[in-house]
All heavy atoms as atom14 arrays in JSON, in Angstrom:
{
  "sequence": "AAEVAVTARVQNNGQSCIAAKRFIVHADVYDA",
  "atom14_mask": [
    [1, 1, 1, 1, 1, 0, 0, 0, 0, 0, 0, 0, 0, 0],
    [1, 1, 1, 1, 1, 0, 0, 0, 0, 0, 0, 0, 0, 0],
    [1, 1, 1, 1, 1, 1, 1, 1, 1, 0, 0, 0, 0, 0],
    [1, 1, 1, 1, 1, 1, 1, 0, 0, 0, 0, 0, 0, 0],
    [1, 1, 1, 1, 1, 0, 0, 0, 0, 0, 0, 0, 0, 0],
    [1, 1, 1, 1, 1, 1, 1, 0, 0, 0, 0, 0, 0, 0],
    [1, 1, 1, 1, 1, 1, 1, 0, 0, 0, 0, 0, 0, 0],
    [1, 1, 1, 1, 1, 0, 0, 0, 0, 0, 0, 0, 0, 0],
    [1, 1, 1, 1, 1, 1, 1, 1, 1, 1, 1, 0, 0, 0],
    [1, 1, 1, 1, 1, 1, 1, 0, 0, 0, 0, 0, 0, 0],
    [1, 1, 1, 1, 1, 1, 1, 1, 1, 0, 0, 0, 0, 0],
    [1, 1, 1, 1, 1, 1, 1, 1, 0, 0, 0, 0, 0, 0],
    [1, 1, 1, 1, 1, 1, 1, 1, 0, 0, 0, 0, 0, 0],
    [1, 1, 1, 1, 0, 0, 0, 0, 0, 0, 0, 0, 0, 0],
    [1, 1, 1, 1, 1, 1, 1, 1, 1, 0, 0, 0, 0, 0],
    [1, 1, 1, 1, 1, 1, 0, 0, 0, 0, 0, 0, 0, 0],
    [1, 1, 1, 1, 1, 1, 0, 0, 0, 0, 0, 0, 0, 0],
    [1, 1, 1, 1, 1, 1, 1, 1, 0, 0, 0, 0, 0, 0],
    [1, 1, 1, 1, 1, 0, 0, 0, 0, 0, 0, 0, 0, 0],
    [1, 1, 1, 1, 1, 0, 0, 0, 0, 0, 0, 0, 0, 0],
    [1, 1, 1, 1, 1, 1, 1, 1, 1, 0, 0, 0, 0, 0],
    [1, 1, 1, 1, 1, 1, 1, 1, 1, 1, 1, 0, 0, 0],
    [1, 1, 1, 1, 1, 1, 1, 1, 1, 1, 1, 0, 0, 0],
    [1, 1, 1, 1, 1, 1, 1, 1, 0, 0, 0, 0, 0, 0],
    [1, 1, 1, 1, 1, 1, 1, 0, 0, 0, 0, 0, 0, 0],
    [1, 1, 1, 1, 1, 1, 1, 1, 1, 1, 0, 0, 0, 0],
    [1, 1, 1, 1, 1, 0, 0, 0, 0, 0, 0, 0, 0, 0],
    [1, 1, 1, 1, 1, 1, 1, 1, 0, 0, 0, 0, 0, 0],
    [1, 1, 1, 1, 1, 1, 1, 0, 0, 0, 0, 0, 0, 0],
    [1, 1, 1, 1, 1, 1, 1, 1, 1, 1, 1, 1, 0, 0],
    [1, 1, 1, 1, 1, 1, 1, 1, 0, 0, 0, 0, 0, 0],
    [1, 1, 1, 1, 1, 0, 0, 0, 0, 0, 0, 0, 0, 0]
  ],
  "atom14_positions": [
    [[22.72, -6.22, -8.39], [23.49, -5.04, -8.82], [24.69, -5.35, -9.57], [25.09, -4.71, -10.57], [23.81, -4.11, -7.55], [0.0, 0.0, 0.0], [0.0, 0.0, 0.0], [0.0, 0.0, 0.0], [0.0, 0.0, 0.0], [0.0, 0.0, 0.0], [0.0, 0.0, 0.0], [0.0, 0.0, 0.0], [0.0, 0.0, 0.0], [0.0, 0.0, 0.0]],
    [[25.37, -6.42, -9.1], [26.74, -6.78, -9.66], [26.35, -7.44, -11.2], [27.05, -7.21, -12.15], [27.4, -7.8, -8.92], [0.0, 0.0, 0.0], [0.0, 0.0, 0.0], [0.0, 0.0, 0.0], [0.0, 0.0, 0.0], [0.0, 0.0, 0.0], [0.0, 0.0, 0.0], [0.0, 0.0, 0.0], [0.0, 0.0, 0.0], [0.0, 0.0, 0.0]],
    [[25.23, -8.13, -11.29], [24.95, -8.78, -12.5], [24.57, -7.72, -13.61], [25.1, -7.8, -14.62], [23.73, -9.78, -12.2], [23.29, -10.47, -13.69], [22.06, -11.14, -13.25], [21.5, -11.37, -12.22], [21.58, -11.82, -14.18], [0.0, 0.0, 0.0], [0.0, 0.0, 0.0], [0.0, 0.0, 0.0], [0.0, 0.0, 0.0], [0.0, 0.0, 0.0]],
    [[23.75, -6.73, -13.07], [23.29, -5.7, -13.98], [24.47, -4.77, -14.42], [24.68, -4.29, -15.49], [22.19, -4.95, -13.49], [21.88, -3.69, -14.35], [20.93, -5.82, -13.32], [0.0, 0.0, 0.0], [0.0, 0.0, 0.0], [0.0, 0.0, 0.0], [0.0, 0.0, 0.0], [0.0, 0.0, 0.0], [0.0, 0.0, 0.0], [0.0, 0.0, 0.0]],
    [[25.38, -4.71, -13.46], [26.55, -3.81, -13.65], [27.46, -4.23, -14.96], [27.93, -3.43, -15.58], [27.47, -3.8, -12.43], [0.0, 0.0, 0.0], [0.0, 0.0, 0.0], [0.0, 0.0, 0.0], [0.0, 0.0, 0.0], [0.0, 0.0, 0.0], [0.0, 0.0, 0.0], [0.0, 0.0, 0.0], [0.0, 0.0, 0.0], [0.0, 0.0, 0.0]],
    [[27.52, -5.44, -14.98], [28.25, -6.01, -16.12], [27.7, -5.55, -17.55], [28.28, -5.02, -18.41], [28.4, -7.64, -16.05], [29.13, -8.08, -17.37], [29.23, -8.08, -14.9], [0.0, 0.0, 0.0], [0.0, 0.0, 0.0], [0.0, 0.0, 0.0], [0.0, 0.0, 0.0], [0.0, 0.0, 0.0], [0.0, 0.0, 0.0], [0.0, 0.0, 0.0]],
    [[26.44, -5.73, -17.69], [25.65, -5.37, -18.83], [25.74, -3.93, -19.02], [25.95, -3.32, -20.14], [24.15, -5.75, -18.8], [24.18, -7.16, -18.6], [23.43, -5.37, -20.01], [0.0, 0.0, 0.0], [0.0, 0.0, 0.0], [0.0, 0.0, 0.0], [0.0, 0.0, 0.0], [0.0, 0.0, 0.0], [0.0, 0.0, 0.0], [0.0, 0.0, 0.0]],
    [[25.56, -3.17, -17.9], [25.49, -1.71, -17.96], [26.91, -1.2, -18.43], [26.92, -0.06, -19.09], [25.15, -1.06, -16.62], [0.0, 0.0, 0.0], [0.0, 0.0, 0.0], [0.0, 0.0, 0.0], [0.0, 0.0, 0.0], [0.0, 0.0, 0.0], [0.0, 0.0, 0.0], [0.0, 0.0, 0.0], [0.0, 0.0, 0.0], [0.0, 0.0, 0.0]],
    [[27.93, -1.81, -18.12], [29.26, -1.33, -18.65], [29.6, -1.82, -19.97], [30.24, -1.04, -20.75], [30.37, -1.92, -17.63], [31.79, -1.35, -18.11], [31.82, 0.23, -17.91], [32.77, 0.99, -18.73], [32.55, 1.44, -19.89], [31.4, 1.36, -20.48], [33.44, 2.04, -20.51], [0.0, 0.0, 0.0], [0.0, 0.0, 0.0], [0.0, 0.0, 0.0]],
    [[29.28, -2.94, -20.44], [29.78, -3.47, -21.7], [28.82, -3.36, -22.76], [28.98, -3.86, -23.93], [30.35, -4.88, -21.7], [31.44, -4.98, -20.64], [29.24, -5.92, -21.29], [0.0, 0.0, 0.0], [0.0, 0.0, 0.0], [0.0, 0.0, 0.0], [0.0, 0.0, 0.0], [0.0, 0.0, 0.0], [0.0, 0.0, 0.0], [0.0, 0.0, 0.0]],
    [[27.55, -2.7, -22.53], [26.53, -2.7, -23.67], [27.24, -2.01, -24.84], [28.06, -1.06, -24.61], [25.3, -1.95, -23.2], [25.63, -0.44, -22.59], [24.31, 0.26, -22.29], [23.44, 0.28, -23.11], [24.37, 0.83, -21.16], [0.0, 0.0, 0.0], [0.0, 0.0, 0.0], [0.0, 0.0, 0.0], [0.0, 0.0, 0.0], [0.0, 0.0, 0.0]],
    [[27.09, -2.44, -26.06], [27.59, -1.8, -27.18], [29.06, -1.85, -27.19], [29.73, -0.85, -27.56], [27.06, -0.51, -27.43], [27.03, -0.03, -28.85], [26.65, -0.73, -29.72], [27.61, 1.18, -29.07], [0.0, 0.0, 0.0], [0.0, 0.0, 0.0], [0.0, 0.0, 0.0], [0.0, 0.0, 0.0], [0.0, 0.0, 0.0], [0.0, 0.0, 0.0]],
    [[29.73, -2.86, -26.65], [31.11, -3.02, -26.57], [31.68, -1.92, -25.56], [32.85, -1.54, -25.65], [31.86, -2.98, -27.84], [31.36, -4.14, -28.81], [30.76, -5.19, -28.26], [31.55, -4.03, -29.92], [0.0, 0.0, 0.0], [0.0, 0.0, 0.0], [0.0, 0.0, 0.0], [0.0, 0.0, 0.0], [0.0, 0.0, 0.0], [0.0, 0.0, 0.0]],
    [[30.8, -1.34, -24.78], [31.33, -0.39, -23.82], [31.29, 1.01, -24.38], [31.76, 1.96, -23.78], [0.0, 0.0, 0.0], [0.0, 0.0, 0.0], [0.0, 0.0, 0.0], [0.0, 0.0, 0.0], [0.0, 0.0, 0.0], [0.0, 0.0, 0.0], [0.0, 0.0, 0.0], [0.0, 0.0, 0.0], [0.0, 0.0, 0.0], [0.0, 0.0, 0.0]],
    [[30.88, 1.14, -25.76], [30.84, 2.28, -26.42], [29.49, 3.11, -26.41], [28.82, 3.15, -27.44], [31.38, 2.15, -27.88], [32.7, 1.5, -27.9], [33.0, 1.01, -29.28], [33.95, 1.31, -30.0], [32.34, 0.06, -29.7], [0.0, 0.0, 0.0], [0.0, 0.0, 0.0], [0.0, 0.0, 0.0], [0.0, 0.0, 0.0], [0.0, 0.0, 0.0]],
    [[29.13, 3.42, -25.16], [27.74, 4.13, -25.08], [27.95, 5.21, -24.12], [28.57, 5.1, -23.07], [26.73, 3.03, -24.48], [25.5, 3.87, -24.22], [0.0, 0.0, 0.0], [0.0, 0.0, 0.0], [0.0, 0.0, 0.0], [0.0, 0.0, 0.0], [0.0, 0.0, 0.0], [0.0, 0.0, 0.0], [0.0, 0.0, 0.0], [0.0, 0.0, 0.0]],
    [[27.38, 6.4, -24.45], [27.55, 7.63, -23.57], [26.81, 7.38, -22.3], [27.25, 7.89, -21.19], [26.88, 8.9, -24.24], [27.77, 9.41, -25.73], [0.0, 0.0, 0.0], [0.0, 0.0, 0.0], [0.0, 0.0, 0.0], [0.0, 0.0, 0.0], [0.0, 0.0, 0.0], [0.0, 0.0, 0.0], [0.0, 0.0, 0.0], [0.0, 0.0, 0.0]],
    [[25.74, 6.49, -22.23], [24.92, 6.26, -21.14], [25.29, 4.95, -20.38], [24.78, 4.57, -19.45], [23.42, 6.24, -21.41], [22.98, 5.06, -22.38], [22.94, 7.65, -21.74], [21.61, 4.97, -22.54], [0.0, 0.0, 0.0], [0.0, 0.0, 0.0], [0.0, 0.0, 0.0], [0.0, 0.0, 0.0], [0.0, 0.0, 0.0], [0.0, 0.0, 0.0]],
    [[26.37, 4.38, -20.81], [26.98, 3.14, -20.12], [27.51, 3.53, -18.76], [28.08, 4.63, -18.56], [28.01, 2.48, -20.9], [0.0, 0.0, 0.0], [0.0, 0.0, 0.0], [0.0, 0.0, 0.0], [0.0, 0.0, 0.0], [0.0, 0.0, 0.0], [0.0, 0.0, 0.0], [0.0, 0.0, 0.0], [0.0, 0.0, 0.0], [0.0, 0.0, 0.0]],
    [[27.19, 2.77, -17.76], [27.85, 2.94, -16.47], [29.27, 2.82, -16.61], [29.9, 1.89, -17.18], [27.32, 1.99, -15.42], [0.0, 0.0, 0.0], [0.0, 0.0, 0.0], [0.0, 0.0, 0.0], [0.0, 0.0, 0.0], [0.0, 0.0, 0.0], [0.0, 0.0, 0.0], [0.0, 0.0, 0.0], [0.0, 0.0, 0.0], [0.0, 0.0, 0.0]],
    [[30.13, 3.79, -16.01], [31.53, 3.74, -16.15], [32.29, 3.82, -14.9], [33.42, 3.31, -14.75], [31.98, 4.91, -17.1], [31.44, 4.89, -18.48], [31.92, 5.98, -19.42], [31.36, 5.87, -20.83], [29.94, 6.32, -20.97], [0.0, 0.0, 0.0], [0.0, 0.0, 0.0], [0.0, 0.0, 0.0], [0.0, 0.0, 0.0], [0.0, 0.0, 0.0]],
    [[31.7, 4.52, -13.86], [32.31, 4.63, -12.52], [31.43, 4.01, -11.56], [30.29, 4.37, -11.28], [32.49, 6.12, -12.2], [33.57, 6.83, -13.22], [33.52, 8.29, -13.02], [32.27, 8.99, -13.05], [31.71, 9.78, -12.08], [32.45, 10.02, -10.96], [30.55, 10.29, -12.22], [0.0, 0.0, 0.0], [0.0, 0.0, 0.0], [0.0, 0.0, 0.0]],
    [[31.98, 2.97, -10.95], [31.15, 2.14, -9.96], [31.52, 2.54, -8.58], [32.74, 2.29, -8.16], [31.35, 0.58, -10.22], [30.88, 0.21, -11.57], [31.7, 0.52, -12.75], [29.56, -0.21, -11.81], [31.18, 0.23, -14.03], [29.08, -0.53, -13.15], [29.87, -0.39, -14.09], [0.0, 0.0, 0.0], [0.0, 0.0, 0.0], [0.0, 0.0, 0.0]],
    [[30.65, 3.22, -7.93], [30.9, 3.82, -6.64], [30.13, 2.99, -5.5], [28.92, 2.99, -5.51], [30.41, 5.28, -6.57], [31.17, 6.11, -7.83], [30.53, 6.03, -5.29], [30.59, 7.43, -8.01], [0.0, 0.0, 0.0], [0.0, 0.0, 0.0], [0.0, 0.0, 0.0], [0.0, 0.0, 0.0], [0.0, 0.0, 0.0], [0.0, 0.0, 0.0]],
    [[30.9, 2.36, -4.72], [30.31, 1.18, -3.96], [30.56, 1.57, -2.35], [31.72, 1.92, -1.95], [30.9, -0.05, -4.28], [30.02, -1.21, -3.51], [30.66, -0.39, -5.79], [0.0, 0.0, 0.0], [0.0, 0.0, 0.0], [0.0, 0.0, 0.0], [0.0, 0.0, 0.0], [0.0, 0.0, 0.0], [0.0, 0.0, 0.0], [0.0, 0.0, 0.0]],
    [[29.43, 1.5, -1.54], [29.64, 1.62, -0.21], [30.63, 0.6, 0.39], [30.54, -0.49, 0.0], [28.39, 1.69, 0.54], [28.34, 2.27, 1.9], [28.82, 1.39, 2.96], [28.04, 3.46, 2.43], [28.65, 2.16, 4.14], [28.27, 3.38, 3.9], [0.0, 0.0, 0.0], [0.0, 0.0, 0.0], [0.0, 0.0, 0.0], [0.0, 0.0, 0.0]],
    [[31.44, 1.02, 1.48], [32.41, 0.12, 1.95], [31.63, -1.19, 2.59], [32.3, -2.33, 2.63], [33.22, 0.85, 3.08], [0.0, 0.0, 0.0], [0.0, 0.0, 0.0], [0.0, 0.0, 0.0], [0.0, 0.0, 0.0], [0.0, 0.0, 0.0], [0.0, 0.0, 0.0], [0.0, 0.0, 0.0], [0.0, 0.0, 0.0], [0.0, 0.0, 0.0]],
    [[30.46, -1.02, 3.02], [29.84, -2.14, 3.76], [29.57, -3.35, 2.74], [29.48, -4.52, 3.08], [28.44, -1.84, 4.38], [28.56, -0.95, 5.45], [29.89, -0.69, 5.96], [27.65, -0.37, 5.97], [0.0, 0.0, 0.0], [0.0, 0.0, 0.0], [0.0, 0.0, 0.0], [0.0, 0.0, 0.0], [0.0, 0.0, 0.0], [0.0, 0.0, 0.0]],
    [[29.45, -2.94, 1.31], [29.24, -4.02, 0.22], [30.21, -4.0, -0.75], [30.12, -4.73, -1.63], [27.79, -3.82, -0.23], [26.69, -4.15, 0.73], [27.63, -2.38, -0.77], [0.0, 0.0, 0.0], [0.0, 0.0, 0.0], [0.0, 0.0, 0.0], [0.0, 0.0, 0.0], [0.0, 0.0, 0.0], [0.0, 0.0, 0.0], [0.0, 0.0, 0.0]],
    [[31.41, -3.24, -0.53], [32.38, -3.06, -1.69], [33.02, -4.55, -1.92], [32.99, -4.87, -3.15], [33.48, -2.15, -1.14], [34.64, -1.93, -2.16], [34.49, -1.03, -3.08], [35.61, -2.77, -2.09], [35.49, -0.87, -4.01], [36.75, -2.6, -3.0], [36.61, -1.62, -4.0], [37.66, -1.49, -4.84], [0.0, 0.0, 0.0], [0.0, 0.0, 0.0]],
    [[33.45, -5.21, -1.04], [34.13, -6.5, -1.42], [33.11, -7.46, -2.02], [33.59, -8.18, -3.01], [34.72, -7.09, -0.04], [35.83, -6.36, 0.53], [36.46, -5.63, -0.24], [36.09, -6.47, 1.73], [0.0, 0.0, 0.0], [0.0, 0.0, 0.0], [0.0, 0.0, 0.0], [0.0, 0.0, 0.0], [0.0, 0.0, 0.0], [0.0, 0.0, 0.0]],
    [[32.06, -7.61, -1.49], [31.03, -8.56, -2.1], [30.69, -8.04, -3.6], [30.63, -9.0, -4.49], [29.79, -8.62, -1.31], [0.0, 0.0, 0.0], [0.0, 0.0, 0.0], [0.0, 0.0, 0.0], [0.0, 0.0, 0.0], [0.0, 0.0, 0.0], [0.0, 0.0, 0.0], [0.0, 0.0, 0.0], [0.0, 0.0, 0.0], [0.0, 0.0, 0.0]]
  ]
}
């Protein structure tokens, strides 16, 4: 999830309407 998150955010230099922008993470796995 963390690996894909990087690509999901910066695809097209981050200039994409469908790029992930808000990463909402459960407390159990937030730090990791």
